[in-house]
PDB file of N, CA and C in Angstrom:
ATOM      1  N   MET A   1       9.677  -0.769  -7.966  1.00  0.00           N
ATOM      2  CA  MET A   1       9.097  -1.011  -6.605  1.00  0.00           C
ATOM      3  C   MET A   1       7.759  -1.461  -6.773  1.00  0.00           C
ATOM      4  N   LYS A   2       6.677  -0.780  -7.478  1.00  0.00           N
ATOM      5  CA  LYS A   2       5.533  -1.000  -7.615  1.00  0.00           C
ATOM      6  C   LYS A   2       5.147  -2.467  -7.927  1.00  0.00           C
ATOM      7  N   ASP A   3       5.985  -2.974  -8.775  1.00  0.00           N
ATOM      8  CA  ASP A   3       5.913  -4.297  -9.172  1.00  0.00           C
ATOM      9  C   ASP A   3       6.014  -5.283  -8.043  1.00  0.00           C
ATOM     10  N   ALA A   4       7.039  -5.047  -7.448  1.00  0.00           N
ATOM     11  CA  ALA A   4       7.571  -5.995  -6.164  1.00  0.00           C
ATOM     12  C   ALA A   4       6.290  -6.031  -5.111  1.00  0.00           C
ATOM     13  N   VAL A   5       5.729  -4.753  -4.898  1.00  0.00           N
ATOM     14  CA  VAL A   5       4.734  -4.658  -3.914  1.00  0.00           C
ATOM     15  C   VAL A   5       3.577  -5.451  -4.424  1.00  0.00           C
ATOM     16  N   ALA A   6       3.378  -4.966  -5.423  1.00  0.00           N
ATOM     17  CA  ALA A   6       2.154  -5.528  -5.843  1.00  0.00           C
ATOM     18  C   ALA A   6       2.015  -6.909  -6.111  1.00  0.00           C
ATOM     19  N   SER A   7       3.108  -7.586  -6.596  1.00  0.00           N
ATOM     20  CA  SER A   7       3.237  -8.825  -6.739  1.00  0.00           C
ATOM     21  C   SER A   7       3.117  -9.639  -5.131  1.00  0.00           C
ATOM     22  N   LEU A   8       3.640  -9.227  -4.360  1.00  0.00           N
ATOM     23  CA  LEU A   8       3.797  -9.316  -2.824  1.00  0.00           C
ATOM     24  C   LEU A   8       2.324  -9.348  -2.445  1.00  0.00           C
ATOM     25  N   VAL A   9       1.341  -8.620  -2.361  1.00  0.00           N
ATOM     26  CA  VAL A   9       0.395  -8.181  -1.863  1.00  0.00           C
ATOM     27  C   VAL A   9      -1.057  -8.425  -2.488  1.00  0.00           C
ATOM     28  N   ASN A  10      -0.934  -8.282  -3.656  1.00  0.00           N
ATOM     29  CA  ASN A  10      -2.367  -8.386  -4.678  1.00  0.00           C
ATOM     30  C   ASN A  10      -3.201  -9.215  -4.615  1.00  0.00           C
ATOM     31  N   ASP A  11      -2.566 -10.549  -4.269  1.00  0.00           N
ATOM     32  CA  ASP A  11      -3.401 -11.748  -4.276  1.00  0.00           C
ATOM     33  C   ASP A  11      -3.961 -11.694  -3.054  1.00  0.00           C
ATOM     34  N   ASP A  12      -3.499 -11.296  -1.892  1.00  0.00           N
ATOM     35  CA  ASP A  12      -3.938 -11.273  -0.641  1.00  0.00           C
ATOM     36  C   ASP A  12      -5.115 -10.009  -0.161  1.00  0.00           C
ATOM     37  N   ILE A  13      -4.952  -8.910  -1.256  1.00  0.00           N
ATOM     38  CA  ILE A  13      -6.109  -8.093  -1.212  1.00  0.00           C
ATOM     39  C   ILE A  13      -7.055  -8.140  -2.108  1.00  0.00           C
ATOM     40  N   LYS A  14      -6.961  -8.851  -3.169  1.00  0.00           N
ATOM     41  CA  LYS A  14      -7.765  -8.893  -3.948  1.00  0.00           C
ATOM     42  C   LYS A  14      -9.690  -9.185  -3.723  1.00  0.00           C
ATOM     43  N   ASP A  15      -9.691 -10.162  -2.594  1.00  0.00           N
ATOM     44  CA  ASP A  15     -10.988 -10.242  -2.086  1.00  0.00           C
ATOM     45  C   ASP A  15     -11.703  -8.984  -1.533  1.00  0.00           C
ATOM     46  N   LEU A  16     -10.815  -7.921  -1.228  1.00  0.00           N
ATOM     47  CA  LEU A  16     -11.287  -6.617  -0.813  1.00  0.00           C
ATOM     48  C   LEU A  16     -11.698  -5.656  -2.179  1.00  0.00           C
ATOM     49  N   ASN A  17     -11.401  -6.220  -3.314  1.00  0.00           N
ATOM     50  CA  ASN A  17     -11.435  -5.571  -4.685  1.00  0.00           C
ATOM     51  C   ASN A  17     -10.920  -3.999  -4.643  1.00  0.00           C
ATOM     52  N   VAL A  18      -9.396  -4.269  -4.149  1.00  0.00           N
ATOM     53  CA  VAL A  18      -8.524  -3.421  -4.145  1.00  0.00           C
ATOM     54  C   VAL A  18      -7.318  -3.833  -4.598  1.00  0.00           C
ATOM     55  N   TYR A  19      -6.290  -3.257  -5.247  1.00  0.00           N
ATOM     56  CA  TYR A  19      -5.209  -3.597  -5.844  1.00  0.00           C
ATOM     57  C   TYR A  19      -3.981  -2.523  -5.584  1.00  0.00           C
ATOM     58  N   VAL A  20      -2.655  -2.974  -5.710  1.00  0.00           N
ATOM     59  CA  VAL A  20      -1.784  -1.683  -5.714  1.00  0.00           C
ATOM     60  C   VAL A  20      -1.532  -0.795  -6.975  1.00  0.00           C
ATOM     61  N   ASP A  21      -1.865   0.356  -7.051  1.00  0.00           N
ATOM     62  CA  ASP A  21      -1.875   1.375  -8.237  1.00  0.00           C
ATOM     63  C   ASP A  21      -0.215   1.893  -7.952  1.00  0.00           C
ATOM     64  N   ASP A  22       0.389   2.053  -6.884  1.00  0.00           N
ATOM     65  CA  ASP A  22       1.741   2.564  -7.014  1.00  0.00           C
ATOM     66  C   ASP A  22       2.624   2.269  -5.570  1.00  0.00           C
ATOM     67  N   ALA A  23       3.790   2.344  -5.645  1.00  0.00           N
ATOM     68  CA  ALA A  23       4.339   2.063  -4.618  1.00  0.00           C
ATOM     69  C   ALA A  23       5.807   3.057  -4.745  1.00  0.00           C
ATOM     70  N   PHE A  24       6.012   3.789  -3.596  1.00  0.00           N
ATOM     71  CA  PHE A  24       7.198   4.458  -4.077  1.00  0.00           C
ATOM     72  C   PHE A  24       7.677   5.143  -2.570  1.00  0.00           C
ATOM     73  N   LEU A  25       9.080   5.731  -2.613  1.00  0.00           N
ATOM     74  CA  LEU A  25       9.664   6.198  -1.634  1.00  0.00           C
ATOM     75  C   LEU A  25       9.479   7.880  -1.538  1.00  0.00           C
ATOM     76  N   SER A  26       9.349   8.673  -0.488  1.00  0.00           N
ATOM     77  CA  SER A  26       9.589   9.696  -0.660  1.00  0.00           C
ATOM     78  C   SER A  26      10.111  10.332   0.985  1.00  0.00           C
ATOM     79  N   THR A  27      10.542  11.636   0.790  1.00  0.00           N
ATOM     80  CA  THR A  27      10.923  12.080   2.067  1.00  0.00           C
ATOM     81  C   THR A  27      10.198  13.262   2.605  1.00  0.00           C
ATOM     82  N   GLU A  28       9.673  13.016   3.898  1.00  0.00           N
ATOM     83  CA  GLU A  28       8.938  14.447   4.624  1.00  0.00           C
ATOM     84  C   GLU A  28       9.573  14.747   5.777  1.00  0.00           C
ATOM     85  N   GLU A  29       9.683  16.028   5.931  1.00  0.00           N
ATOM     86  CA  GLU A  29      10.380  16.322   7.036  1.00  0.00           C
ATOM     87  C   GLU A  29      11.544  15.393   7.744  1.00  0.00           C
ATOM     88  N   GLY A  30      12.289  15.142   6.725  1.00  0.00           N
ATOM     89  CA  GLY A  30      13.560  14.365   7.098  1.00  0.00           C
ATOM     90  C   GLY A  30      13.223  12.620   7.275  1.00  0.00           C
ATOM     91  N   LYS A  31      12.046  12.402   7.057  1.00  0.00           N
ATOM     92  CA  LYS A  31      11.595  10.889   7.289  1.00  0.00           C
ATOM     93  C   LYS A  31      11.569  10.182   5.888  1.00  0.00           C
ATOM     94  N   LYS A  32      12.117   9.139   5.593  1.00  0.00           N
ATOM     95  CA  LYS A  32      11.699   8.458   4.620  1.00  0.00           C
ATOM     96  C   LYS A  32      10.709   7.647   4.595  1.00  0.00           C
ATOM     97  N   ILE A  33       9.676   7.508   3.706  1.00  0.00           N
ATOM     98  CA  ILE A  33       8.335   6.990   3.673  1.00  0.00           C
ATOM     99  C   ILE A  33       8.250   6.180   2.706  1.00  0.00           C
ATOM    100  N   MET A  34       7.794   5.062   2.746  1.00  0.00           N
ATOM    101  CA  MET A  34       7.289   3.869   1.935  1.00  0.00           C
ATOM    102  C   MET A  34       5.735   4.402   1.635  1.00  0.00           C
ATOM    103  N   ASN A  35       5.298   4.697   0.449  1.00  0.00           N
ATOM    104  CA  ASN A  35       4.174   4.949   0.093  1.00  0.00           C
ATOM    105  C   ASN A  35       3.439   3.911  -0.844  1.00  0.00           C
ATOM    106  N   ILE A  36       2.385   3.240  -0.492  1.00  0.00           N
ATOM    107  CA  ILE A  36       1.544   2.280  -1.084  1.00  0.00           C
ATOM    108  C   ILE A  36       0.154   2.964  -1.431  1.00  0.00           C
ATOM    109  N   VAL A  37      -0.078   3.116  -2.862  1.00  0.00           N
ATOM    110  CA  VAL A  37      -1.438   3.599  -3.021  1.00  0.00           C
ATOM    111  C   VAL A  37      -2.300   2.450  -3.637  1.00  0.00           C
ATOM    112  N   LEU A  38      -3.537   2.560  -3.006  1.00  0.00           N
ATOM    113  CA  LEU A  38      -4.568   1.514  -3.534  1.00  0.00           C
ATOM    114  C   LEU A  38      -5.413   2.029  -4.475  1.00  0.00           C
ATOM    115  N   ASP A  39      -5.887   1.225  -5.329  1.00  0.00           N
ATOM    116  CA  ASP A  39      -6.816   1.846  -6.239  1.00  0.00           C
ATOM    117  C   ASP A  39      -8.168   0.455  -6.422  1.00  0.00           C
ATOM    118  N   SER A  40      -9.417   0.904  -7.004  1.00  0.00           N
ATOM    119  CA  SER A  40     -10.103   0.000  -7.164  1.00  0.00           C
ATOM    120  C   SER A  40     -11.405   0.526  -8.239  1.00  0.00           C
ATOM    121  N   GLU A  41     -12.068  -0.328  -8.752  1.00  0.00           N
ATOM    122  CA  GLU A  41     -13.085   0.004  -9.314  1.00  0.00           C
ATOM    123  C   GLU A  41     -14.282   0.794  -9.301  1.00  0.00           C
ATOM    124  N   GLU A  42     -14.308   0.617  -7.429  1.00  0.00           N
ATOM    125  CA  GLU A  42     -15.444   1.255  -6.795  1.00  0.00           C
ATOM    126  C   GLU A  42     -14.732   2.018  -5.537  1.00  0.00           C
ATOM    127  N   VAL A  43     -15.547   2.854  -4.987  1.00  0.00           N
ATOM    128  CA  VAL A  43     -15.225   3.615  -3.870  1.00  0.00           C
ATOM    129  C   VAL A  43     -14.532   2.518  -3.028  1.00  0.00           C
ATOM    130  N   ILE A  44     -13.408   3.288  -2.633  1.00  0.00           N
ATOM    131  CA  ILE A  44     -12.778   2.328  -1.147  1.00  0.00           C
ATOM    132  C   ILE A  44     -12.991   3.196  -0.127  1.00  0.00           C
ATOM    133  N   ASP A  45     -13.637   2.414   0.922  1.00  0.00           N
ATOM    134  CA  ASP A  45     -13.908   3.088   2.087  1.00  0.00           C
ATOM    135  C   ASP A  45     -12.989   2.644   2.987  1.00  0.00           C
ATOM    136  N   LEU A  46     -13.262   3.391   4.510  1.00  0.00           N
ATOM    137  CA  LEU A  46     -12.260   3.413   5.268  1.00  0.00           C
ATOM    138  C   LEU A  46     -12.019   1.977   6.012  1.00  0.00           C
ATOM    139  N   ASN A  47     -13.004   1.358   6.197  1.00  0.00           N
ATOM    140  CA  ASN A  47     -13.020  -0.193   6.532  1.00  0.00           C
ATOM    141  C   ASN A  47     -12.131  -0.978   5.428  1.00  0.00           C
ATOM    142  N   LYS A  48     -12.196  -0.746   4.237  1.00  0.00           N
ATOM    143  CA  LYS A  48     -11.519  -1.516   3.284  1.00  0.00           C
ATOM    144  C   LYS A  48     -10.019  -1.155   3.519  1.00  0.00           C
ATOM    145  N   ILE A  49      -9.675   0.262   3.424  1.00  0.00           N
ATOM    146  CA  ILE A  49      -8.428   0.660   4.024  1.00  0.00           C
ATOM    147  C   ILE A  49      -7.728  -0.147   4.933  1.00  0.00           C
ATOM    148  N   THR A  50      -8.558   0.014   6.140  1.00  0.00           N
ATOM    149  CA  THR A  50      -7.995  -0.652   7.275  1.00  0.00           C
ATOM    150  C   THR A  50      -7.700  -2.081   7.252  1.00  0.00           C
ATOM    151  N   GLU A  51      -8.574  -2.803   6.542  1.00  0.00           N
ATOM    152  CA  GLU A  51      -8.354  -4.067   6.305  1.00  0.00           C
ATOM    153  C   GLU A  51      -7.171  -4.609   5.239  1.00  0.00           C
ATOM    154  N   ALA A  52      -7.039  -3.850   4.299  1.00  0.00           N
ATOM    155  CA  ALA A  52      -6.085  -3.813   3.397  1.00  0.00           C
ATOM    156  C   ALA A  52      -4.545  -3.607   4.148  1.00  0.00           C
ATOM    157  N   SER A  53      -4.484  -2.523   4.819  1.00  0.00           N
ATOM    158  CA  SER A  53      -3.646  -2.001   5.530  1.00  0.00           C
ATOM    159  C   SER A  53      -3.056  -3.287   6.641  1.00  0.00           C
ATOM    160  N   ARG A  54      -3.810  -3.800   7.244  1.00  0.00           N
ATOM    161  CA  ARG A  54      -3.702  -4.821   8.144  1.00  0.00           C
ATOM    162  C   ARG A  54      -2.831  -5.967   7.239  1.00  0.00           C
ATOM    163  N   ILE A  55      -3.532  -6.256   6.194  1.00  0.00           N
ATOM    164  CA  ILE A  55      -2.685  -7.543   5.337  1.00  0.00           C
ATOM    165  C   ILE A  55      -1.110  -6.970   4.767  1.00  0.00           C
ATOM    166  N   ILE A  56      -1.357  -5.744   4.276  1.00  0.00           N
ATOM    167  CA  ILE A  56      -0.095  -5.409   3.663  1.00  0.00           C
ATOM    168  C   ILE A  56       0.932  -5.066   4.619  1.00  0.00           C
ATOM    169  N   ASN A  57       0.630  -4.553   6.340  1.00  0.00           N
ATOM    170  CA  ASN A  57       1.849  -4.430   6.988  1.00  0.00           C
ATOM    171  C   ASN A  57       2.300  -5.849   7.422  1.00  0.00           C
ATOM    172  N   LYS A  58       1.384  -6.906   7.327  1.00  0.00           N
ATOM    173  CA  LYS A  58       2.110  -8.328   7.640  1.00  0.00           C
ATOM    174  C   LYS A  58       3.036  -8.791   6.723  1.00  0.00           C
ATOM    175  N   LYS A  59       2.298  -8.502   5.437  1.00  0.00           N
ATOM    176  CA  LYS A  59       3.442  -8.783   4.339  1.00  0.00           C
ATOM    177  C   LYS A  59       4.625  -8.174   4.374  1.00  0.00           C
ATOM    178  N   MET A  60       4.845  -6.842   4.295  1.00  0.00           N
ATOM    179  CA  MET A  60       5.818  -5.983   4.116  1.00  0.00           C
ATOM    180  C   MET A  60       6.874  -6.268   5.365  1.00  0.00           C
ATOM    181  N   ASP A  61       6.123  -6.452   6.653  1.00  0.00           N
ATOM    182  CA  ASP A  61       7.204  -6.799   7.937  1.00  0.00           C
ATOM    183  C   ASP A  61       7.699  -8.231   7.387  1.00  0.00           C
ATOM    184  N   ALA A  62       7.234  -9.053   6.883  1.00  0.00           N
ATOM    185  CA  ALA A  62       7.943 -10.138   6.684  1.00  0.00           C
ATOM    186  C   ALA A  62       8.847 -10.333   5.298  1.00  0.00           C
ATOM    187  N   ASN A  63       8.854  -8.737   4.712  1.00  0.00           N
ATOM    188  CA  ASN A  63       9.731  -8.766   3.382  1.00  0.00           C
ATOM    189  C   ASN A  63      10.330  -7.051   3.634  1.00  0.00           C
ATOM    190  N   GLU A  64      11.200  -7.374   4.696  1.00  0.00           N
ATOM    191  CA  GLU A  64      11.648  -5.991   5.182  1.00  0.00           C
ATOM    192  C   GLU A  64      12.334  -5.158   4.094  1.00  0.00           C
ATOM    193  N   SER A  65      13.162  -6.200   3.037  1.00  0.00           N
ATOM    194  CA  SER A  65      13.991  -5.690   2.356  1.00  0.00           C
ATOM    195  C   SER A  65      13.120  -4.419   1.283  1.00  0.00           C
ATOM    196  N   LEU A  66      11.970  -4.978   1.151  1.00  0.00           N
ATOM    197  CA  LEU A  66      11.335  -4.077   0.184  1.00  0.00           C
ATOM    198  C   LEU A  66      10.836  -2.282   0.831  1.00  0.00           C
ATOM    199  N   LEU A  67      10.983  -2.551   2.294  1.00  0.00           N
ATOM    200  CA  LEU A  67      10.853  -1.273   2.786  1.00  0.00           C
ATOM    201  C   LEU A  67      12.060  -0.133   2.531  1.00  0.00           C
ATOM    202  N   GLN A  68      12.939  -0.704   2.325  1.00  0.00           N
ATOM    203  CA  GLN A  68      14.423  -0.043   1.954  1.00  0.00           C
ATOM    204  C   GLN A  68      14.666   1.081   2.933  1.00  0.00           C
ATOM    205  N   ASP A  69      14.707   0.457   4.314  1.00  0.00           N
ATOM    206  CA  ASP A  69      15.017   1.472   5.549  1.00  0.00           C
ATOM    207  C   ASP A  69      13.959   2.709   5.491  1.00  0.00           C
ATOM    208  N   ALA A  70      13.012   2.293   5.136  1.00  0.00           N
ATOM    209  CA  ALA A  70      12.037   3.360   5.306  1.00  0.00           C
ATOM    210  C   ALA A  70      11.399   3.519   6.840  1.00  0.00           C
ATOM    211  N   ASP A  71      11.264   4.998   7.225  1.00  0.00           N
ATOM    212  CA  ASP A  71      11.197   5.116   8.589  1.00  0.00           C
ATOM    213  C   ASP A  71       9.673   5.057   9.074  1.00  0.00           C
ATOM    214  N   GLU A  72       8.720   5.051   7.694  1.00  0.00           N
ATOM    215  CA  GLU A  72       7.297   4.902   7.983  1.00  0.00           C
ATOM    216  C   GLU A  72       6.572   4.194   6.552  1.00  0.00           C
ATOM    217  N   LEU A  73       5.429   3.534   6.967  1.00  0.00           N
ATOM    218  CA  LEU A  73       4.824   2.924   5.972  1.00  0.00           C
ATOM    219  C   LEU A  73       3.494   3.654   5.622  1.00  0.00           C
ATOM    220  N   ASP A  74       3.426   4.359   4.686  1.00  0.00           N
ATOM    221  CA  ASP A  74       1.823   4.967   4.389  1.00  0.00           C
ATOM    222  C   ASP A  74       1.345   4.451   3.450  1.00  0.00           C
ATOM    223  N   ILE A  75      -0.080   3.732   3.764  1.00  0.00           N
ATOM    224  CA  ILE A  75      -1.109   3.176   2.700  1.00  0.00           C
ATOM    225  C   ILE A  75      -2.256   4.019   2.679  1.00  0.00           C
ATOM    226  N   TYR A  76      -2.813   4.458   1.521  1.00  0.00           N
ATOM    227  CA  TYR A  76      -3.732   5.087   1.284  1.00  0.00           C
ATOM    228  C   TYR A  76      -4.630   4.904  -0.027  1.00  0.00           C
ATOM    229  N   SER A  77      -5.359   5.475  -0.330  1.00  0.00           N
ATOM    230  CA  SER A  77      -6.125   5.127  -1.877  1.00  0.00           C
ATOM    231  C   SER A  77      -6.063   6.309  -2.734  1.00  0.00           C
ATOM    232  N   LYS A  78      -6.169   5.961  -3.951  1.00  0.00           N
ATOM    233  CA  LYS A  78      -6.669   7.051  -4.702  1.00  0.00           C
ATOM    234  C   LYS A  78      -7.681   7.801  -4.511  1.00  0.00           C
ATOM    235  N   GLU A  79      -8.186   9.084  -4.573  1.00  0.00           N
ATOM    236  CA  GLU A  79      -9.458   9.731  -4.695  1.00  0.00           C
ATOM    237  C   GLU A  79     -10.152   9.386  -6.008  1.00  0.00           C
ATOM    238  N   LYS A  80     -11.201   9.202  -5.783  1.00  0.00           N
ATOM    239  CA  LYS A  80     -12.222   9.095  -6.818  1.00  0.00           C
ATOM    240  C   LYS A  80     -12.915  10.243  -7.503  1.00  0.00           C
ATOM    241  N   GLY A  81     -12.845  10.709  -8.488  1.00  0.00           N
ATOM    242  CA  GLY A  81     -13.587  11.792  -9.036  1.00  0.00           C
ATOM    243  C   GLY A  81     -14.824  11.689  -9.442  1.00  0.00           C
ATOM    244  N   GLU A  82     -15.885  12.673  -9.715  1.00  0.00           N
ATOM    245  CA  GLU A  82     -17.204  12.524 -10.281  1.00  0.00           C
ATOM    246  C   GLU A  82     -17.231  12.423 -11.673  1.00  0.00           C
TER     247      GLU A  82
END
């Protein structure tokens, strides 16, 4: 799943210096959630997450089969350690 999502969106978000690190389905409180985890060589601030989310949402809406009937789409970044 990660490869399919990454190939769909990475070219569109590369100008933000972010890329898809992982994509997976999970179930929380009975809801099926599509998780997309972003990473970068630099710290990803809230503005980048917001902009990347807008781009990814449009792409995922146009390719609903990748969502696999998920109830929610959750896009977030990995935390950078010290």
